Protein backbone atom coordinates (compact mmCIF):
# COMPACT_ATOMS: atom_id res chain seq x y z
CA MET A 1 13.28 87.04 33.41
CA ARG A 2 16.38 87.01 34.99
CA GLU A 3 19.83 86.65 33.40
CA VAL A 4 22.59 84.48 34.59
CA ARG A 5 26.24 85.21 34.05
CA VAL A 6 28.41 82.56 34.35
CA GLY A 7 32.37 83.60 34.23
CA SER A 8 32.42 86.51 30.97
CA VAL A 9 29.14 84.55 29.37
CA VAL A 10 25.61 86.14 30.08
CA MET A 11 22.58 83.75 29.61
CA GLY A 12 19.05 84.85 29.01
CA PRO A 13 16.26 84.63 26.58
CA ALA A 14 17.15 88.16 25.05
CA ARG A 15 21.02 87.57 24.87
CA PRO A 16 22.82 85.39 21.86
CA LEU A 17 22.54 81.64 22.11
CA VAL A 18 25.14 80.40 24.71
CA PHE A 19 26.91 77.32 23.55
CA ILE A 20 27.70 74.47 26.14
CA VAL A 21 30.11 72.45 24.38
CA GLY A 22 32.36 69.70 25.85
CA ILE A 23 32.72 66.08 26.12
CA ASN A 24 30.66 63.93 28.44
CA VAL A 25 33.60 62.61 30.57
CA LEU A 26 37.13 63.63 30.76
CA GLU A 27 38.63 60.45 29.62
CA PRO A 28 42.20 58.86 30.29
CA GLU A 29 44.01 60.92 27.52
CA PRO A 30 43.87 64.05 29.04
CA ASP A 31 44.78 65.64 25.52
CA LEU A 32 41.21 64.58 23.68
CA GLY A 33 39.69 67.54 26.51
CA LEU A 34 42.39 70.02 25.22
CA GLN A 35 41.44 69.16 21.57
CA VAL A 36 37.60 69.58 22.10
CA ALA A 37 38.46 72.92 24.03
CA GLN A 38 40.51 73.88 21.10
CA ALA A 39 37.81 73.59 18.53
CA ALA A 40 35.12 75.33 20.38
CA ALA A 41 37.67 78.19 21.10
CA ASP A 42 38.28 78.59 17.76
CA LEU A 43 34.66 78.99 16.60
CA ARG A 44 33.99 81.40 19.73
CA ASP A 45 36.81 83.47 18.43
CA ASP A 46 35.68 83.37 14.71
CA LEU A 47 31.89 83.63 15.25
CA GLY A 48 31.84 85.45 18.47
CA ILE A 49 29.52 82.74 20.15
CA PRO A 50 29.33 82.79 23.99
CA TRP A 51 30.81 79.34 24.96
CA ILE A 52 31.05 77.06 28.13
CA PHE A 53 33.18 74.28 28.41
CA LYS A 54 31.57 70.96 29.88
CA ALA A 55 32.92 68.00 30.51
CA SER A 56 32.48 65.62 33.86
CA TRP A 57 35.22 64.21 36.19
CA ASP A 58 32.92 61.40 37.50
CA LYS A 59 29.77 59.62 35.77
CA ALA A 60 28.33 58.23 38.95
CA ASN A 61 24.96 57.17 37.01
CA ARG A 62 26.59 54.75 34.80
CA THR A 63 24.60 51.16 33.53
CA SER A 64 27.02 48.97 34.38
CA HIS A 65 29.94 49.18 37.39
CA ARG A 66 32.52 48.19 34.84
CA SER A 67 32.05 51.08 32.81
CA TYR A 68 34.35 53.97 32.75
CA ARG A 69 33.48 56.50 35.40
CA GLY A 70 36.21 59.53 34.75
CA PRO A 71 39.57 60.30 36.22
CA GLY A 72 38.38 61.30 39.67
CA LEU A 73 38.05 64.35 41.66
CA ARG A 74 41.70 65.35 42.06
CA GLU A 75 42.93 64.90 38.31
CA GLY A 76 39.44 66.05 36.91
CA LEU A 77 39.65 69.29 38.55
CA ARG A 78 43.18 69.45 37.27
CA GLN A 79 42.48 69.13 33.87
CA LEU A 80 39.12 71.10 33.80
CA LEU A 81 41.53 74.31 35.68
CA GLU A 82 43.95 73.48 32.72
CA ILE A 83 41.37 74.03 29.99
CA ARG A 84 39.62 77.13 31.85
CA ARG A 85 42.94 78.95 32.06
CA ARG A 86 44.32 78.13 28.67
CA PHE A 87 41.38 78.73 26.64
CA ASP A 88 39.95 81.77 29.07
CA VAL A 89 36.64 79.79 29.28
CA PRO A 90 33.95 79.21 31.96
CA VAL A 91 33.68 75.44 32.89
CA LEU A 92 30.77 73.76 33.85
CA THR A 93 30.86 70.31 35.70
CA ASP A 94 28.45 68.26 37.64
CA VAL A 95 28.31 66.95 41.62
CA HIS A 96 26.48 64.30 43.00
CA GLU A 97 27.07 64.43 46.69
CA PRO A 98 26.98 67.33 49.00
CA TRP A 99 30.55 67.27 50.14
CA GLN A 100 31.80 67.82 46.57
CA ALA A 101 29.99 71.05 45.81
CA GLU A 102 32.93 73.12 47.93
CA PRO A 103 35.75 72.00 46.32
CA VAL A 104 34.38 71.99 43.11
CA ALA A 105 32.93 75.13 43.15
CA GLU A 106 36.73 76.39 43.69
CA VAL A 107 37.72 75.62 40.04
CA VAL A 108 34.65 75.56 37.78
CA ASP A 109 32.26 78.40 37.01
CA MET A 110 29.07 76.72 37.42
CA LEU A 111 27.89 73.62 39.11
CA GLN A 112 25.52 71.10 37.69
CA VAL A 113 22.86 68.86 39.26
CA PRO A 114 22.23 65.71 37.55
CA ALA A 115 18.38 64.93 36.47
CA PHE A 116 18.31 61.98 38.85
CA LEU A 117 19.22 64.29 41.94
CA VAL A 118 17.31 67.13 41.03
CA ARG A 119 15.27 66.75 44.04
CA GLN A 120 17.90 66.07 46.70
CA THR A 121 17.49 68.94 48.92
CA ASP A 122 20.83 68.62 50.87
CA LEU A 123 22.47 68.56 47.60
CA LEU A 124 20.68 71.59 46.36
CA ALA A 125 21.45 73.46 49.30
CA ALA A 126 25.18 72.46 49.27
CA CYS A 127 25.31 73.69 45.86
CA SER A 128 23.40 76.91 46.66
CA ALA A 129 26.09 77.67 49.32
CA THR A 130 28.78 78.21 47.24
CA GLY A 131 27.14 81.08 45.47
CA ARG A 132 28.05 79.77 42.00
CA PRO A 133 25.51 79.59 39.11
CA LEU A 134 23.32 76.10 38.79
CA HIS A 135 22.61 74.40 36.15
CA LEU A 136 19.38 72.02 37.08
CA LYS A 137 18.57 69.26 34.89
CA ARG A 138 14.65 68.45 34.87
CA MET A 139 14.17 64.64 36.08
CA THR A 140 12.98 62.66 32.81
CA SER A 141 9.65 61.69 34.90
CA LEU A 142 9.16 65.34 36.06
CA ASP A 143 6.55 67.73 35.09
CA PRO A 144 8.01 70.78 33.86
CA SER A 145 6.04 72.59 35.83
CA GLN A 146 7.11 71.01 39.20
CA LEU A 147 10.81 71.71 38.46
CA GLY A 148 9.94 75.59 39.79
CA PHE A 149 10.31 73.89 43.13
CA ALA A 150 13.73 72.86 43.01
CA VAL A 151 14.24 76.62 41.96
CA GLU A 152 12.61 77.60 45.17
CA LYS A 153 14.63 75.71 47.04
CA CYS A 154 17.88 76.81 45.51
CA ARG A 155 16.89 80.33 46.24
CA ALA A 156 15.61 79.87 49.93
CA PHE A 157 19.48 78.27 50.23
CA GLY A 158 21.04 81.48 48.55
CA ALA A 159 21.15 80.91 45.27
CA LYS A 160 21.21 83.92 43.15
CA GLN A 161 21.56 82.52 39.55
CA VAL A 162 19.87 79.11 38.23
CA VAL A 163 19.54 78.14 34.93
CA LEU A 164 17.22 75.12 34.04
CA CYS A 165 18.20 72.29 31.60
CA GLU A 166 15.61 70.21 29.69
CA ARG A 167 17.11 66.79 28.59
CA GLY A 168 14.01 64.64 27.62
CA THR A 169 11.26 62.54 29.04
CA SER A 170 11.18 58.67 29.64
CA PHE A 171 7.70 57.12 28.71
CA GLY A 172 9.20 53.53 29.78
CA PRO A 173 12.09 51.44 27.78
CA GLY A 174 12.90 53.06 24.71
CA PRO A 175 14.27 56.49 23.60
CA LEU A 176 13.85 59.78 25.63
CA VAL A 177 11.32 62.54 24.00
CA VAL A 178 11.69 65.98 24.01
CA ASP A 179 8.24 67.88 24.11
CA PRO A 180 8.85 71.42 22.67
CA LEU A 181 5.64 72.76 24.74
CA GLY A 182 7.74 71.51 28.20
CA LEU A 183 10.59 74.15 27.02
CA VAL A 184 8.05 76.58 27.41
CA ALA A 185 6.81 75.48 30.65
CA LEU A 186 10.07 75.65 31.95
CA GLN A 187 10.64 79.20 30.66
CA ALA A 188 7.77 80.15 32.66
CA HIS A 189 9.56 79.83 35.62
CA GLY A 190 11.49 82.99 35.11
CA VAL A 191 15.05 81.17 34.50
CA PRO A 192 17.29 80.96 31.74
CA VAL A 193 16.39 77.53 30.15
CA SER A 194 19.16 75.58 27.99
CA LEU A 195 18.54 71.78 26.21
CA ASP A 196 20.87 69.13 26.83
CA VAL A 197 20.30 67.72 23.20
CA THR A 198 22.87 65.04 23.41
CA HIS A 199 21.20 63.18 26.56
CA ALA A 200 18.02 63.98 25.08
CA LEU A 201 19.12 61.79 22.10
CA GLN A 202 19.24 58.81 24.26
CA ALA A 203 17.84 55.64 24.40
CA PRO A 204 18.37 53.99 27.79
CA GLY A 205 18.76 50.21 27.75
CA GLY A 206 19.37 50.30 24.25
CA ALA A 207 22.37 48.47 24.16
CA ARG A 208 22.20 46.33 27.41
CA SER A 209 24.87 46.96 29.60
CA GLN A 210 25.06 50.50 28.13
CA THR A 211 22.56 53.35 26.70
CA GLU A 212 21.94 53.51 23.19
CA GLY A 213 21.71 56.95 21.37
CA ARG A 214 20.38 58.57 17.92
CA GLY A 215 23.37 61.22 17.69
CA HIS A 216 22.64 61.53 14.27
CA LEU A 217 19.67 63.21 14.79
CA THR A 218 21.36 66.04 16.97
CA GLU A 219 20.73 69.15 14.57
CA PRO A 220 16.96 68.64 14.13
CA LEU A 221 16.49 68.45 18.08
CA ALA A 222 18.73 71.21 18.49
CA ARG A 223 17.18 73.47 15.61
CA ALA A 224 13.68 72.77 17.36
CA GLY A 225 15.19 73.84 20.96
CA VAL A 226 16.69 77.14 19.50
CA ALA A 227 13.36 77.60 17.49
CA GLN A 228 11.67 78.07 21.08
CA GLY A 229 14.08 80.80 21.97
CA LEU A 230 16.25 79.14 24.67
CA SER A 231 18.92 80.40 26.36
CA ALA A 232 21.77 78.00 25.72
CA VAL A 233 22.33 74.54 23.76
CA PHE A 234 24.15 71.82 25.36
CA LEU A 235 26.19 70.03 23.24
CA GLU A 236 28.89 66.91 23.69
CA VAL A 237 30.99 66.22 21.05
CA HIS A 238 34.04 63.58 20.14
CA PRO A 239 36.21 63.32 17.62
CA GLU A 240 35.27 59.67 17.27
CA PRO A 241 31.83 58.87 18.75
CA THR A 242 32.22 55.19 18.36
CA ARG A 243 35.37 55.28 20.80
CA ALA A 244 34.05 57.93 23.24
CA ARG A 245 34.16 56.22 27.16
CA CYS A 246 30.40 57.46 27.62
CA ASP A 247 27.20 58.24 25.69
CA GLY A 248 29.29 58.03 22.20
CA PRO A 249 25.90 56.99 20.29
CA SER A 250 24.57 60.42 21.54
CA ALA A 251 27.60 62.46 20.90
CA THR A 252 27.97 64.56 17.85
CA ARG A 253 31.08 64.18 15.57
CA LEU A 254 33.56 67.17 16.20
CA GLU A 255 34.04 67.70 12.62
CA ALA A 256 30.56 68.31 12.33
CA LEU A 257 30.70 71.13 14.96
CA PRO A 258 31.40 74.28 13.02
CA VAL A 259 28.48 73.72 10.53
CA LEU A 260 25.80 73.23 13.14
CA VAL A 261 27.01 76.16 15.15
CA ARG A 262 26.46 78.25 12.44
CA ARG A 263 23.04 76.81 11.52
CA LEU A 264 21.74 77.30 15.13
CA GLN A 265 23.25 80.78 15.45
CA ALA A 266 21.92 81.63 12.12
CA LEU A 267 18.41 80.52 13.47
CA ASP A 268 18.72 81.77 17.01
CA ALA A 269 19.70 85.73 15.36
CA LEU A 270 16.15 85.05 13.38
CA VAL A 271 13.82 84.05 16.76
CA LYS A 272 15.39 86.66 19.04
CA GLY A 273 15.67 89.62 16.06
CA TRP A 274 19.35 90.12 17.00
CA GLY A 275 21.00 89.31 13.35
CA PRO A 276 21.27 92.16 10.56
């Protein structure tokens, strides 16, 4: 299986678990992103965890047109660049249209293709052309075995480093479901695999114009994924999830992050055999 390098972080099934930690969307208060990044940086320095910061500058796929989307491209990239430099951390963010790939790639270390767009050939081609590592989310209705075609597309367009991301399956109305055997199927594509714990805990339509979630179940789901030998876990955190501008019900409370990271790090060491 190929390893993927994102800045100074190396991701692979034989490597220590990578933590993709940040906030769902950059909020109007820039200090929020800095607060979360500082907390994750402290854990990186204390525990030696490989860490990638994630935040969106635009949430294009919101239930309602009234929902907050983000600060936009210019201000969003400014904030991401500040975090990248201040904390010396690789940064991950998503793109939604082909024209966005090049300017975003000039600032961040890894491009994310959202789940609902992972079959869009032009978007995959534009992201691949940047030369940045790619984080491809599995569409909630797509069989894990089929995501290999997205990998093939990216490689055909020149991408050399691809990571696949599990984010749950939709069986109609109600909560998303994560199948542990689906994680095994994704790993069979020969690239590193991550689990987006936060978005897999969504319950689409549960709050009418907003997506409901089950953030209180973050740890059990994360443990189930880490037990499969994953390369990374994806955790969105917030100091006050009830006040988050997007997906607050699925987010992890920031103060709970240190204990969660320590437990997942210990489990990863046991599964992969790299601990003492």
